[in-house]
């Protein structure tokens, strides 16, 4: 579930958009049905140097598109609104809420990232917000000025006067996490620490599979990291359902609705790559609607 949240949760803004030799086999699909013709691109919500620029094939598609859609709007207003969804409104701190051992384990983990990193920036965050961002902290500290490829796409399109939008609202994305009880959120944080402490190179391995563009390896790797701790299995299944499968249904429905508005127009939809892989994916639901989907080589 740590991996799932990395791929689903989004963060921030970027600049550039030129050919990227790192992504030689991008997660890019062409979708057709009758006169309808559009593209899907799988992203990774991680800000590292290797993911700062766009593959040439994707740049060409952006320029051919009548509009580009990411998971949510990625303008400045939306970025600022994210804060209200991840911060607590009851003025209670994590130190007051979390079990003592879990709080101490969290302090210890942060110290392994940077000895000067304290709990202060996290005290007012919702428990699920801390759990969801924990695996990204190291990268945010190492590359504070870099942003995720989703924002590269959004900003590049906007800079070139191509309409942009989101298929979900912030309330839909983050509301799913608020539906979990405090006990479930505490277990989520606890399990996140357990996975991260046992797999220090987890994110790096996932990034390499993404850069390689190998769907099978990516799915196998993610499957190998799921349901490994029995006490968290039920929670992980619930997270997968609400954060991935339920959203995949909604995403596919909204893609279909957008495309149906004018079959002559071409669109690009750029979502976290896990939304396009495996069973009950956006691609599978689009195929159920009669669309032909093929990977672009």
Protein backbone atom coordinates (compact mmCIF):
# COMPACT_ATOMS: atom_id res chain seq x y z
CA UNK A 1 0.00 0.00 0.00
CA UNK A 2 2.99 2.30 0.46
CA UNK A 3 3.71 1.95 -3.24
CA UNK A 4 0.09 2.50 -4.11
CA UNK A 5 -0.07 5.81 -2.25
CA UNK A 6 3.17 6.97 -3.86
CA UNK A 7 1.58 6.39 -7.24
CA UNK A 8 -1.74 7.93 -6.31
CA UNK A 9 -0.96 10.89 -4.07
CA UNK A 10 0.15 13.93 -5.95
CA UNK A 11 2.20 16.92 -5.14
CA UNK A 12 3.37 19.90 -7.18
CA UNK A 13 4.67 22.10 -9.92
CA UNK A 14 7.43 21.94 -12.50
CA UNK A 15 8.91 23.60 -15.55
CA UNK A 16 10.67 21.81 -18.40
CA UNK A 17 9.67 19.48 -21.23
CA UNK A 18 12.27 18.23 -23.68
CA UNK A 19 13.30 14.82 -24.93
CA UNK A 20 14.10 12.41 -22.09
CA UNK A 21 16.50 9.61 -22.89
CA UNK A 22 15.70 7.96 -19.56
CA UNK A 23 12.14 7.05 -20.63
CA UNK A 24 12.83 5.12 -23.80
CA UNK A 25 9.83 2.86 -23.30
CA UNK A 26 7.21 5.14 -21.70
CA UNK A 27 3.92 3.83 -20.35
CA UNK A 28 1.97 5.24 -23.28
CA UNK A 29 -1.20 3.81 -24.83
CA UNK A 30 -3.22 4.73 -27.92
CA UNK A 31 -6.99 4.35 -27.59
CA UNK A 32 -9.48 4.23 -30.47
CA UNK A 33 -13.17 3.54 -31.11
CA UNK A 34 -14.69 4.66 -34.39
CA UNK A 35 -13.66 8.28 -34.91
CA UNK A 36 -12.56 8.64 -31.31
CA UNK A 37 -8.82 8.74 -30.79
CA UNK A 38 -6.89 9.62 -27.63
CA UNK A 39 -3.88 8.65 -25.50
CA UNK A 40 -3.13 7.48 -21.97
CA UNK A 41 0.19 8.10 -20.23
CA UNK A 42 1.23 6.48 -16.95
CA UNK A 43 3.15 8.71 -14.56
CA UNK A 44 5.08 8.28 -11.34
CA UNK A 45 4.41 10.91 -8.69
CA UNK A 46 8.05 11.24 -7.69
CA UNK A 47 10.32 14.27 -8.09
CA UNK A 48 13.77 13.08 -9.17
CA UNK A 49 16.17 14.29 -11.90
CA UNK A 50 15.45 11.25 -14.10
CA UNK A 51 11.76 12.19 -14.33
CA UNK A 52 12.04 15.90 -14.96
CA UNK A 53 11.72 15.88 -18.73
CA UNK A 54 9.29 14.32 -21.15
CA UNK A 55 9.80 11.64 -23.81
CA UNK A 56 9.76 13.03 -27.35
CA UNK A 57 6.83 10.79 -28.31
CA UNK A 58 4.76 12.29 -25.50
CA UNK A 59 5.68 15.87 -26.42
CA UNK A 60 4.45 15.21 -29.96
CA UNK A 61 1.14 13.87 -28.63
CA UNK A 62 0.69 16.87 -26.32
CA UNK A 63 1.02 19.23 -29.28
CA UNK A 64 -1.51 17.17 -31.24
CA UNK A 65 -4.02 17.17 -28.38
CA UNK A 66 -7.05 19.42 -28.03
CA UNK A 67 -6.79 19.12 -24.23
CA UNK A 68 -4.61 17.42 -21.59
CA UNK A 69 -6.05 15.96 -18.41
CA UNK A 70 -4.22 14.91 -15.25
CA UNK A 71 -5.80 13.28 -12.19
CA UNK A 72 -6.74 16.65 -10.70
CA UNK A 73 -6.19 20.26 -11.66
CA UNK A 74 -2.53 21.14 -11.02
CA UNK A 75 -2.76 24.92 -11.02
CA UNK A 76 -1.49 27.05 -8.15
CA UNK A 77 -4.93 27.37 -6.56
CA UNK A 78 -5.35 23.61 -6.37
CA UNK A 79 -1.84 23.18 -4.98
CA UNK A 80 -2.64 25.57 -2.14
CA UNK A 81 -5.96 23.86 -1.45
CA UNK A 82 -4.18 20.54 -0.89
CA UNK A 83 -3.02 21.88 2.47
CA UNK A 84 -6.53 22.06 3.89
CA UNK A 85 -7.11 18.40 3.10
CA UNK A 86 -4.01 17.04 4.81
CA UNK A 87 -3.93 19.31 7.88
CA UNK A 88 -5.94 18.68 11.06
CA UNK A 89 -8.68 21.08 12.04
CA UNK A 90 -8.97 20.13 15.74
CA UNK A 91 -5.61 21.63 16.85
CA UNK A 92 -4.49 18.26 18.21
CA UNK A 93 -0.92 17.20 17.48
CA UNK A 94 0.43 13.82 16.42
CA UNK A 95 2.24 13.58 19.73
CA UNK A 96 -1.13 13.73 21.49
CA UNK A 97 -2.82 11.24 19.19
CA UNK A 98 -0.30 8.55 18.30
CA UNK A 99 0.66 5.68 20.61
CA UNK A 100 3.97 6.50 22.26
CA UNK A 101 5.96 3.71 20.59
CA UNK A 102 4.66 4.59 17.13
CA UNK A 103 5.50 8.25 17.70
CA UNK A 104 9.02 7.32 18.78
CA UNK A 105 9.43 4.98 15.80
CA UNK A 106 8.38 7.83 13.52
CA UNK A 107 10.96 10.15 15.11
CA UNK A 108 13.62 7.48 14.66
CA UNK A 109 12.76 6.97 10.99
CA UNK A 110 12.89 10.70 10.25
CA UNK A 111 16.31 10.89 11.94
CA UNK A 112 17.63 8.19 9.60
CA UNK A 113 16.67 10.42 6.66
CA UNK A 114 18.26 13.51 8.18
CA UNK A 115 19.42 13.90 11.82
CA UNK A 116 18.08 17.45 11.81
CA UNK A 117 14.61 16.42 10.61
CA UNK A 118 12.15 16.61 13.51
CA UNK A 119 8.45 15.97 13.98
CA UNK A 120 7.64 19.67 13.96
CA UNK A 121 6.57 19.92 10.27
CA UNK A 122 4.26 16.91 10.71
CA UNK A 123 2.57 17.66 14.04
CA UNK A 124 -0.59 19.23 12.59
CA UNK A 125 -0.99 16.80 9.69
CA UNK A 126 -3.66 14.15 9.55
CA UNK A 127 -2.32 10.71 10.33
CA UNK A 128 -3.02 9.40 6.83
CA UNK A 129 -1.27 12.48 5.41
CA UNK A 130 1.92 11.62 7.26
CA UNK A 131 1.72 7.97 6.21
CA UNK A 132 1.11 8.91 2.59
CA UNK A 133 3.99 11.36 2.32
CA UNK A 134 6.53 9.57 4.51
CA UNK A 135 8.20 7.64 1.70
CA UNK A 136 8.62 10.85 -0.33
CA UNK A 137 10.28 12.95 2.37
CA UNK A 138 13.79 11.84 1.46
CA UNK A 139 13.30 12.95 -2.14
CA UNK A 140 11.68 16.24 -1.19
CA UNK A 141 14.69 17.08 0.98
CA UNK A 142 17.20 15.94 -1.63
CA UNK A 143 15.49 17.64 -4.59
CA UNK A 144 13.45 20.52 -3.11
CA UNK A 145 13.12 22.35 -6.43
CA UNK A 146 12.14 19.37 -8.54
CA UNK A 147 8.58 18.28 -9.22
CA UNK A 148 6.70 15.22 -10.45
CA UNK A 149 6.24 14.38 -14.12
CA UNK A 150 2.47 14.96 -13.86
CA UNK A 151 3.12 18.64 -13.28
CA UNK A 152 5.70 18.74 -16.06
CA UNK A 153 3.01 17.57 -18.46
CA UNK A 154 0.35 19.94 -17.09
CA UNK A 155 2.64 22.97 -17.15
CA UNK A 156 4.12 22.15 -20.56
CA UNK A 157 0.66 21.90 -22.11
CA UNK A 158 -0.53 25.09 -20.44
CA UNK A 159 2.61 26.96 -21.53
CA UNK A 160 1.84 25.97 -25.13
CA UNK A 161 -1.78 27.16 -24.85
CA UNK A 162 -3.24 23.67 -24.81
CA UNK A 163 -6.30 23.44 -22.50
CA UNK A 164 -5.71 21.45 -19.32
CA UNK A 165 -7.95 19.95 -16.67
CA UNK A 166 -8.45 17.22 -14.08
CA UNK A 167 -10.83 14.26 -14.09
CA UNK A 168 -11.21 14.24 -10.30
CA UNK A 169 -11.67 16.87 -7.61
CA UNK A 170 -9.45 17.30 -4.58
CA UNK A 171 -12.38 16.34 -2.39
CA UNK A 172 -12.73 13.04 -4.25
CA UNK A 173 -9.03 12.22 -4.09
CA UNK A 174 -8.44 13.08 -0.46
CA UNK A 175 -11.94 12.39 0.85
CA UNK A 176 -11.33 8.66 0.46
CA UNK A 177 -8.62 8.82 3.11
CA UNK A 178 -10.75 10.84 5.51
CA UNK A 179 -13.26 8.00 5.45
CA UNK A 180 -10.84 5.78 7.37
CA UNK A 181 -11.18 5.71 11.14
CA UNK A 182 -8.44 7.03 13.41
CA UNK A 183 -7.53 3.47 14.36
CA UNK A 184 -7.23 2.52 10.69
CA UNK A 185 -5.08 5.58 9.98
CA UNK A 186 -2.80 4.68 12.89
CA UNK A 187 -2.44 1.16 11.48
CA UNK A 188 -1.73 2.67 8.07
CA UNK A 189 1.11 4.75 9.50
CA UNK A 190 2.40 1.82 11.50
CA UNK A 191 2.43 -0.49 8.48
CA UNK A 192 4.07 2.19 6.31
CA UNK A 193 6.96 2.44 8.76
CA UNK A 194 7.23 -1.35 8.88
CA UNK A 195 7.52 -1.58 5.08
CA UNK A 196 9.94 1.32 4.76
CA UNK A 197 12.23 0.09 7.52
CA UNK A 198 12.42 -3.31 5.87
CA UNK A 199 12.93 -2.06 2.32
CA UNK A 200 15.15 1.01 2.25
CA UNK A 201 15.58 0.83 -1.53
CA UNK A 202 11.87 0.31 -2.24
CA UNK A 203 11.32 3.60 -4.05
CA UNK A 204 14.52 3.32 -6.06
CA UNK A 205 13.55 -0.13 -7.31
CA UNK A 206 10.09 1.06 -8.23
CA UNK A 207 11.56 4.03 -10.07
CA UNK A 208 13.86 1.80 -12.10
CA UNK A 209 10.94 -0.43 -13.16
CA UNK A 210 9.03 2.70 -14.19
CA UNK A 211 11.97 4.06 -16.19
CA UNK A 212 12.41 0.68 -17.87
CA UNK A 213 8.72 0.74 -18.81
CA UNK A 214 8.20 -2.94 -18.07
CA UNK A 215 4.58 -3.47 -17.00
CA UNK A 216 5.05 -7.09 -15.95
CA UNK A 217 8.06 -6.37 -13.75
CA UNK A 218 6.26 -3.41 -12.20
CA UNK A 219 3.21 -5.50 -11.31
CA UNK A 220 5.31 -8.37 -9.95
CA UNK A 221 7.34 -6.00 -7.81
CA UNK A 222 4.27 -4.25 -6.40
CA UNK A 223 2.55 -7.57 -5.74
CA UNK A 224 5.63 -8.75 -3.86
CA UNK A 225 5.31 -5.75 -1.55
CA UNK A 226 1.60 -6.17 -0.81
CA UNK A 227 -0.01 -8.24 1.95
CA UNK A 228 3.33 -9.30 3.41
CA UNK A 229 2.32 -8.50 7.00
CA UNK A 230 -0.83 -10.48 7.92
CA UNK A 231 -2.12 -8.04 10.56
CA UNK A 232 -2.45 -5.30 7.90
CA UNK A 233 -3.96 -7.42 5.10
CA UNK A 234 -7.58 -6.31 5.63
CA UNK A 235 -6.57 -2.65 5.77
CA UNK A 236 -4.47 -2.97 2.63
CA UNK A 237 -7.37 -4.54 0.76
CA UNK A 238 -9.62 -1.67 1.85
CA UNK A 239 -7.03 0.88 0.74
CA UNK A 240 -6.65 -0.79 -2.64
CA UNK A 241 -10.40 -0.76 -3.14
CA UNK A 242 -10.93 2.89 -2.25
CA UNK A 243 -7.72 4.40 -3.58
CA UNK A 244 -7.33 2.42 -6.78
CA UNK A 245 -10.24 0.25 -7.92
CA UNK A 246 -13.09 2.64 -7.06
CA UNK A 247 -11.20 5.53 -8.62
CA UNK A 248 -10.42 3.52 -11.75
CA UNK A 249 -14.16 3.11 -12.37
CA UNK A 250 -14.72 6.84 -11.95
CA UNK A 251 -11.72 7.77 -14.10
CA UNK A 252 -12.82 5.51 -16.96
CA UNK A 253 -16.36 6.91 -16.82
CA UNK A 254 -15.11 10.48 -16.97
CA UNK A 255 -12.66 9.75 -19.78
CA UNK A 256 -15.52 8.25 -21.77
CA UNK A 257 -17.73 11.27 -21.03
CA UNK A 258 -15.02 13.76 -22.05
CA UNK A 259 -14.26 11.89 -25.27
CA UNK A 260 -17.95 11.57 -26.13
CA UNK A 261 -18.43 15.36 -26.00
CA UNK A 262 -16.68 15.67 -29.36
CA UNK A 263 -15.39 12.46 -31.00
CA UNK A 264 -13.36 14.55 -33.46
CA UNK A 265 -11.08 15.88 -30.73
CA UNK A 266 -7.93 14.19 -29.46
CA UNK A 267 -7.06 14.09 -25.76
CA UNK A 268 -4.21 13.01 -23.50
CA UNK A 269 -4.95 11.58 -20.04
CA UNK A 270 -1.94 11.35 -17.70
CA UNK A 271 -2.54 9.44 -14.45
CA UNK A 272 -0.41 7.43 -12.03
CA UNK A 273 0.74 4.34 -13.91
CA UNK A 274 -0.95 1.89 -11.50
CA UNK A 275 -4.32 3.12 -12.76
CA UNK A 276 -3.47 1.54 -16.12
CA UNK A 277 -1.95 -1.77 -15.02
CA UNK A 278 -3.46 -5.09 -14.02
CA UNK A 279 -7.03 -6.15 -13.40
CA UNK A 280 -9.80 -3.62 -12.78
CA UNK A 281 -7.62 -0.92 -14.36
CA UNK A 282 -8.79 2.11 -16.30
CA UNK A 283 -7.68 0.32 -19.46
CA UNK A 284 -9.81 -2.71 -18.67
CA UNK A 285 -12.89 -0.56 -18.07
CA UNK A 286 -12.30 1.37 -21.31
CA UNK A 287 -12.06 -1.94 -23.15
CA UNK A 288 -15.40 -2.89 -21.60
CA UNK A 289 -16.80 0.31 -23.16
CA UNK A 290 -15.67 -0.94 -26.57
CA UNK A 291 -12.39 0.98 -26.89
CA UNK A 292 -9.35 -0.64 -28.50
CA UNK A 293 -6.26 0.03 -26.38
CA UNK A 294 -2.71 -0.71 -27.51
CA UNK A 295 0.68 0.16 -26.06
CA UNK A 296 2.69 2.63 -28.15
CA UNK A 297 6.16 1.26 -28.90
